[in-house]
Amino acid sequence: MKAHLQQIHNLLTSNEIQFKSLHHEVTPTSEDSARVRGEDLSTGGKALVLKHGDDETNSSYALFVLSASRKLNTKANKKEIKSKNVRFATSDELARLTSGLVPGAVPPFGRPIIDLDLYVDTSIEENSVIAFNSGSLTDSVVMSVADYLRVASPTKIFVFSKQ
């Protein structure tokens, strides 16, 4: 079992949270993931690592989770985080910040799984379950949103998505 997947399983089990774990074909897109999980696209938790700030000395990274059926609203994101600039982490930055993960494999957990602040979009609260890739493109977890929010302990929940 991969390190991130094992950490997630340990976190959920130690908090007595019920979840479904799936091993499946490679799913490079949110649509592929929803199909193999048998879940609606809106239940997918899309985890994005974003960089805020103007330069290397005045910038930070954070993890943002929104429904896989939605898109990032950079204007709302920048306003809430109070940053003039925001961009996606590069593949190299992502690998460095997440202990080697590739785009699409990042689970929707900040600390203690990934050492980043976690922000959750209100679109996640519109479903009873959240489904997500858990450290690889071949492993998923499905769990209740209430349990996810309780154990993930987001820094803040706010609107940063659009249709």
C-alpha atoms as a PDB file:
ATOM      1  CA  MET A   1       0.000   0.000   0.000  1.00  0.00           C
ATOM      2  CA  LYS A   2       1.373   3.410  -0.931  1.00  0.00           C
ATOM      3  CA  ALA A   3       2.433   5.829   1.823  1.00  0.00           C
ATOM      4  CA  HIS A   4      -0.291   8.458   1.302  1.00  0.00           C
ATOM      5  CA  LEU A   5      -3.013   5.825   0.996  1.00  0.00           C
ATOM      6  CA  GLN A   6      -1.802   4.122   4.179  1.00  0.00           C
ATOM      7  CA  GLN A   7      -1.708   7.465   6.029  1.00  0.00           C
ATOM      8  CA  ILE A   8      -5.275   8.231   4.939  1.00  0.00           C
ATOM      9  CA  HIS A   9      -6.503   4.774   5.946  1.00  0.00           C
ATOM     10  CA  ASN A  10      -4.769   5.142   9.327  1.00  0.00           C
ATOM     11  CA  LEU A  11      -6.260   8.612   9.891  1.00  0.00           C
ATOM     12  CA  LEU A  12      -9.773   7.475   9.029  1.00  0.00           C
ATOM     13  CA  THR A  13      -9.555   4.216  10.972  1.00  0.00           C
ATOM     14  CA  SER A  14      -8.123   5.899  14.081  1.00  0.00           C
ATOM     15  CA  ASN A  15     -11.060   8.333  13.990  1.00  0.00           C
ATOM     16  CA  GLU A  16     -13.521   5.428  13.567  1.00  0.00           C
ATOM     17  CA  ILE A  17     -14.704   6.734  10.204  1.00  0.00           C
ATOM     18  CA  GLN A  18     -16.427   4.438   7.738  1.00  0.00           C
ATOM     19  CA  PHE A  19     -15.105   4.662   4.190  1.00  0.00           C
ATOM     20  CA  LYS A  20     -14.902   2.674   0.994  1.00  0.00           C
ATOM     21  CA  SER A  21     -11.476   2.084  -0.557  1.00  0.00           C
ATOM     22  CA  LEU A  22     -11.221   1.238  -4.255  1.00  0.00           C
ATOM     23  CA  HIS A  23      -8.324   0.064  -6.403  1.00  0.00           C
ATOM     24  CA  HIS A  24      -9.029   0.730 -10.074  1.00  0.00           C
ATOM     25  CA  GLU A  25      -7.605   1.476 -13.507  1.00  0.00           C
ATOM     26  CA  VAL A  26      -5.532   4.628 -13.980  1.00  0.00           C
ATOM     27  CA  THR A  27      -7.832   7.656 -13.897  1.00  0.00           C
ATOM     28  CA  PRO A  28      -6.053  10.780 -15.153  1.00  0.00           C
ATOM     29  CA  THR A  29      -9.185  12.968 -15.168  1.00  0.00           C
ATOM     30  CA  SER A  30     -11.981  13.679 -12.713  1.00  0.00           C
ATOM     31  CA  GLU A  31     -14.453  12.294 -15.249  1.00  0.00           C
ATOM     32  CA  ASP A  32     -12.507   9.016 -15.464  1.00  0.00           C
ATOM     33  CA  SER A  33     -12.413   8.775 -11.676  1.00  0.00           C
ATOM     34  CA  ALA A  34     -16.169   9.340 -11.330  1.00  0.00           C
ATOM     35  CA  ARG A  35     -16.858   6.672 -13.960  1.00  0.00           C
ATOM     36  CA  VAL A  36     -14.778   3.928 -12.311  1.00  0.00           C
ATOM     37  CA  ARG A  37     -16.080   4.805  -8.837  1.00  0.00           C
ATOM     38  CA  GLY A  38     -19.701   4.726  -9.996  1.00  0.00           C
ATOM     39  CA  GLU A  39     -20.226   8.155  -8.433  1.00  0.00           C
ATOM     40  CA  ASP A  40     -21.554  11.424  -9.821  1.00  0.00           C
ATOM     41  CA  LEU A  41     -18.832  13.855 -10.925  1.00  0.00           C
ATOM     42  CA  SER A  42     -20.037  16.409  -8.355  1.00  0.00           C
ATOM     43  CA  THR A  43     -19.049  14.105  -5.466  1.00  0.00           C
ATOM     44  CA  GLY A  44     -15.419  14.133  -6.573  1.00  0.00           C
ATOM     45  CA  GLY A  45     -13.075  16.170  -4.405  1.00  0.00           C
ATOM     46  CA  LYS A  46     -10.638  17.930  -6.739  1.00  0.00           C
ATOM     47  CA  ALA A  47      -7.489  18.880  -4.787  1.00  0.00           C
ATOM     48  CA  LEU A  48      -5.419  21.733  -6.222  1.00  0.00           C
ATOM     49  CA  VAL A  49      -2.088  22.982  -4.909  1.00  0.00           C
ATOM     50  CA  LEU A  50      -1.872  26.712  -5.567  1.00  0.00           C
ATOM     51  CA  LYS A  51       0.905  29.223  -5.105  1.00  0.00           C
ATOM     52  CA  HIS A  52      -0.026  32.702  -3.850  1.00  0.00           C
ATOM     53  CA  GLY A  53       2.273  35.687  -3.808  1.00  0.00           C
ATOM     54  CA  ASP A  54       4.525  37.861  -5.890  1.00  0.00           C
ATOM     55  CA  ASP A  55       7.930  36.209  -5.626  1.00  0.00           C
ATOM     56  CA  GLU A  56       9.873  33.433  -3.892  1.00  0.00           C
ATOM     57  CA  THR A  57      10.355  35.413  -0.665  1.00  0.00           C
ATOM     58  CA  ASN A  58       6.744  36.556  -0.374  1.00  0.00           C
ATOM     59  CA  SER A  59       4.764  33.524  -1.496  1.00  0.00           C
ATOM     60  CA  SER A  60       3.133  30.436  -0.067  1.00  0.00           C
ATOM     61  CA  TYR A  61       1.450  27.246  -1.193  1.00  0.00           C
ATOM     62  CA  ALA A  62      -1.876  25.872  -0.006  1.00  0.00           C
ATOM     63  CA  LEU A  63      -4.263  23.039  -0.851  1.00  0.00           C
ATOM     64  CA  PHE A  64      -7.704  23.935  -2.211  1.00  0.00           C
ATOM     65  CA  VAL A  65     -10.487  21.341  -2.564  1.00  0.00           C
ATOM     66  CA  LEU A  66     -13.582  21.842  -4.697  1.00  0.00           C
ATOM     67  CA  SER A  67     -16.184  19.666  -6.367  1.00  0.00           C
ATOM     68  CA  ALA A  68     -14.807  17.956  -9.467  1.00  0.00           C
ATOM     69  CA  SER A  69     -17.794  19.327 -11.403  1.00  0.00           C
ATOM     70  CA  ARG A  70     -16.685  22.915 -10.723  1.00  0.00           C
ATOM     71  CA  LYS A  71     -13.804  25.155 -11.809  1.00  0.00           C
ATOM     72  CA  LEU A  72     -11.492  27.341  -9.782  1.00  0.00           C
ATOM     73  CA  ASN A  73     -12.614  30.969  -9.515  1.00  0.00           C
ATOM     74  CA  THR A  74      -9.218  32.665  -9.256  1.00  0.00           C
ATOM     75  CA  LYS A  75     -10.753  36.080  -8.583  1.00  0.00           C
ATOM     76  CA  ALA A  76     -12.640  34.826  -5.507  1.00  0.00           C
ATOM     77  CA  ASN A  77      -9.588  32.843  -4.419  1.00  0.00           C
ATOM     78  CA  LYS A  78      -7.232  35.828  -4.625  1.00  0.00           C
ATOM     79  CA  LYS A  79      -9.718  38.079  -2.808  1.00  0.00           C
ATOM     80  CA  GLU A  80     -10.171  35.692   0.125  1.00  0.00           C
ATOM     81  CA  ILE A  81      -6.460  34.871   0.443  1.00  0.00           C
ATOM     82  CA  LYS A  82      -5.585  38.551  -0.076  1.00  0.00           C
ATOM     83  CA  SER A  83      -3.094  37.897  -2.843  1.00  0.00           C
ATOM     84  CA  LYS A  84      -2.645  39.655  -6.167  1.00  0.00           C
ATOM     85  CA  ASN A  85      -1.181  36.577  -7.837  1.00  0.00           C
ATOM     86  CA  VAL A  86      -2.216  32.942  -7.838  1.00  0.00           C
ATOM     87  CA  ARG A  87      -1.122  30.033 -10.014  1.00  0.00           C
ATOM     88  CA  PHE A  88      -1.144  26.256 -10.015  1.00  0.00           C
ATOM     89  CA  ALA A  89       1.945  24.603  -8.587  1.00  0.00           C
ATOM     90  CA  THR A  90       4.174  23.186 -11.311  1.00  0.00           C
ATOM     91  CA  SER A  91       4.636  19.407 -11.510  1.00  0.00           C
ATOM     92  CA  ASP A  92       8.064  19.781  -9.878  1.00  0.00           C
ATOM     93  CA  GLU A  93       6.698  21.986  -7.089  1.00  0.00           C
ATOM     94  CA  LEU A  94       3.810  19.578  -6.564  1.00  0.00           C
ATOM     95  CA  ALA A  95       6.169  16.602  -6.282  1.00  0.00           C
ATOM     96  CA  ARG A  96       8.373  18.473  -3.795  1.00  0.00           C
ATOM     97  CA  LEU A  97       5.438  19.635  -1.641  1.00  0.00           C
ATOM     98  CA  THR A  98       3.596  16.289  -1.619  1.00  0.00           C
ATOM     99  CA  SER A  99       6.420  13.749  -1.377  1.00  0.00           C
ATOM    100  CA  GLY A 100       6.298  12.801  -5.030  1.00  0.00           C
ATOM    101  CA  LEU A 101       2.639  12.973  -6.025  1.00  0.00           C
ATOM    102  CA  VAL A 102       1.583  13.694  -9.603  1.00  0.00           C
ATOM    103  CA  PRO A 103      -1.306  15.908 -10.740  1.00  0.00           C
ATOM    104  CA  GLY A 104      -4.594  14.117 -10.148  1.00  0.00           C
ATOM    105  CA  ALA A 105      -3.263  11.955  -7.314  1.00  0.00           C
ATOM    106  CA  VAL A 106      -3.323  14.586  -4.556  1.00  0.00           C
ATOM    107  CA  PRO A 107      -5.776  13.674  -1.780  1.00  0.00           C
ATOM    108  CA  PRO A 108      -7.948  16.419  -0.239  1.00  0.00           C
ATOM    109  CA  PHE A 109      -6.101  16.474   3.085  1.00  0.00           C
ATOM    110  CA  GLY A 110      -3.710  19.063   4.437  1.00  0.00           C
ATOM    111  CA  ARG A 111      -1.838  18.335   7.635  1.00  0.00           C
ATOM    112  CA  PRO A 112      -1.015  15.654   8.751  1.00  0.00           C
ATOM    113  CA  ILE A 113      -1.206  13.975   5.317  1.00  0.00           C
ATOM    114  CA  ILE A 114       0.195  16.846   3.225  1.00  0.00           C
ATOM    115  CA  ASP A 115       2.015  19.668   4.985  1.00  0.00           C
ATOM    116  CA  LEU A 116      -0.128  22.494   3.599  1.00  0.00           C
ATOM    117  CA  ASP A 117      -3.016  24.638   4.822  1.00  0.00           C
ATOM    118  CA  LEU A 118      -6.338  23.257   3.581  1.00  0.00           C
ATOM    119  CA  TYR A 119      -9.166  25.345   2.138  1.00  0.00           C
ATOM    120  CA  VAL A 120     -12.465  23.752   1.109  1.00  0.00           C
ATOM    121  CA  ASP A 121     -15.002  25.207  -1.310  1.00  0.00           C
ATOM    122  CA  THR A 122     -18.652  25.248  -0.247  1.00  0.00           C
ATOM    123  CA  SER A 123     -19.462  23.028  -3.268  1.00  0.00           C
ATOM    124  CA  ILE A 124     -18.134  20.076  -1.253  1.00  0.00           C
ATOM    125  CA  GLU A 125     -20.931  20.589   1.294  1.00  0.00           C
ATOM    126  CA  GLU A 126     -23.595  20.168  -1.417  1.00  0.00           C
ATOM    127  CA  ASN A 127     -23.154  16.360  -1.434  1.00  0.00           C
ATOM    128  CA  SER A 128     -23.462  13.705   1.241  1.00  0.00           C
ATOM    129  CA  VAL A 129     -20.299  11.903   0.098  1.00  0.00           C
ATOM    130  CA  ILE A 130     -16.882  12.891  -1.206  1.00  0.00           C
ATOM    131  CA  ALA A 131     -14.803  10.643  -3.465  1.00  0.00           C
ATOM    132  CA  PHE A 132     -11.137  11.270  -4.175  1.00  0.00           C
ATOM    133  CA  ASN A 133      -7.882   9.825  -5.431  1.00  0.00           C
ATOM    134  CA  SER A 134      -5.800   8.936  -2.422  1.00  0.00           C
ATOM    135  CA  GLY A 135      -2.170   9.339  -3.373  1.00  0.00           C
ATOM    136  CA  SER A 136      -2.213   7.618  -6.750  1.00  0.00           C
ATOM    137  CA  LEU A 137      -4.223   7.551  -9.948  1.00  0.00           C
ATOM    138  CA  THR A 138      -5.325   3.972  -9.146  1.00  0.00           C
ATOM    139  CA  ASP A 139      -6.617   4.273  -5.570  1.00  0.00           C
ATOM    140  CA  SER A 140      -9.739   6.082  -4.369  1.00  0.00           C
ATOM    141  CA  VAL A 141     -11.613   6.625  -1.149  1.00  0.00           C
ATOM    142  CA  VAL A 142     -15.329   7.392  -0.791  1.00  0.00           C
ATOM    143  CA  MET A 143     -16.582   8.711   2.550  1.00  0.00           C
ATOM    144  CA  SER A 144     -19.219  10.996   4.038  1.00  0.00           C
ATOM    145  CA  VAL A 145     -18.691  14.737   3.668  1.00  0.00           C
ATOM    146  CA  ALA A 146     -19.494  15.282   7.356  1.00  0.00           C
ATOM    147  CA  ASP A 147     -16.741  12.862   8.388  1.00  0.00           C
ATOM    148  CA  TYR A 148     -14.347  14.346   5.826  1.00  0.00           C
ATOM    149  CA  LEU A 149     -14.827  17.887   7.130  1.00  0.00           C
ATOM    150  CA  ARG A 150     -14.464  16.708  10.717  1.00  0.00           C
ATOM    151  CA  VAL A 151     -11.199  14.831  10.188  1.00  0.00           C
ATOM    152  CA  ALA A 152      -9.682  17.104   7.516  1.00  0.00           C
ATOM    153  CA  SER A 153     -10.135  20.205   9.706  1.00  0.00           C
ATOM    154  CA  PRO A 154      -9.954  22.805   6.924  1.00  0.00           C
ATOM    155  CA  THR A 155      -8.369  26.159   7.682  1.00  0.00           C
ATOM    156  CA  LYS A 156     -11.420  27.771   6.099  1.00  0.00           C
ATOM    157  CA  ILE A 157     -14.491  26.892   4.033  1.00  0.00           C
ATOM    158  CA  PHE A 158     -15.510  29.530   1.491  1.00  0.00           C
ATOM    159  CA  VAL A 159     -16.701  29.964  -2.111  1.00  0.00           C
ATOM    160  CA  PHE A 160     -13.840  29.767  -4.620  1.00  0.00           C
ATOM    161  CA  SER A 161     -15.433  27.793  -7.461  1.00  0.00           C
ATOM    162  CA  LYS A 162     -17.611  28.519 -10.464  1.00  0.00           C
ATOM    163  CA  GLN A 163     -19.589  26.449 -12.983  1.00  0.00           C
END
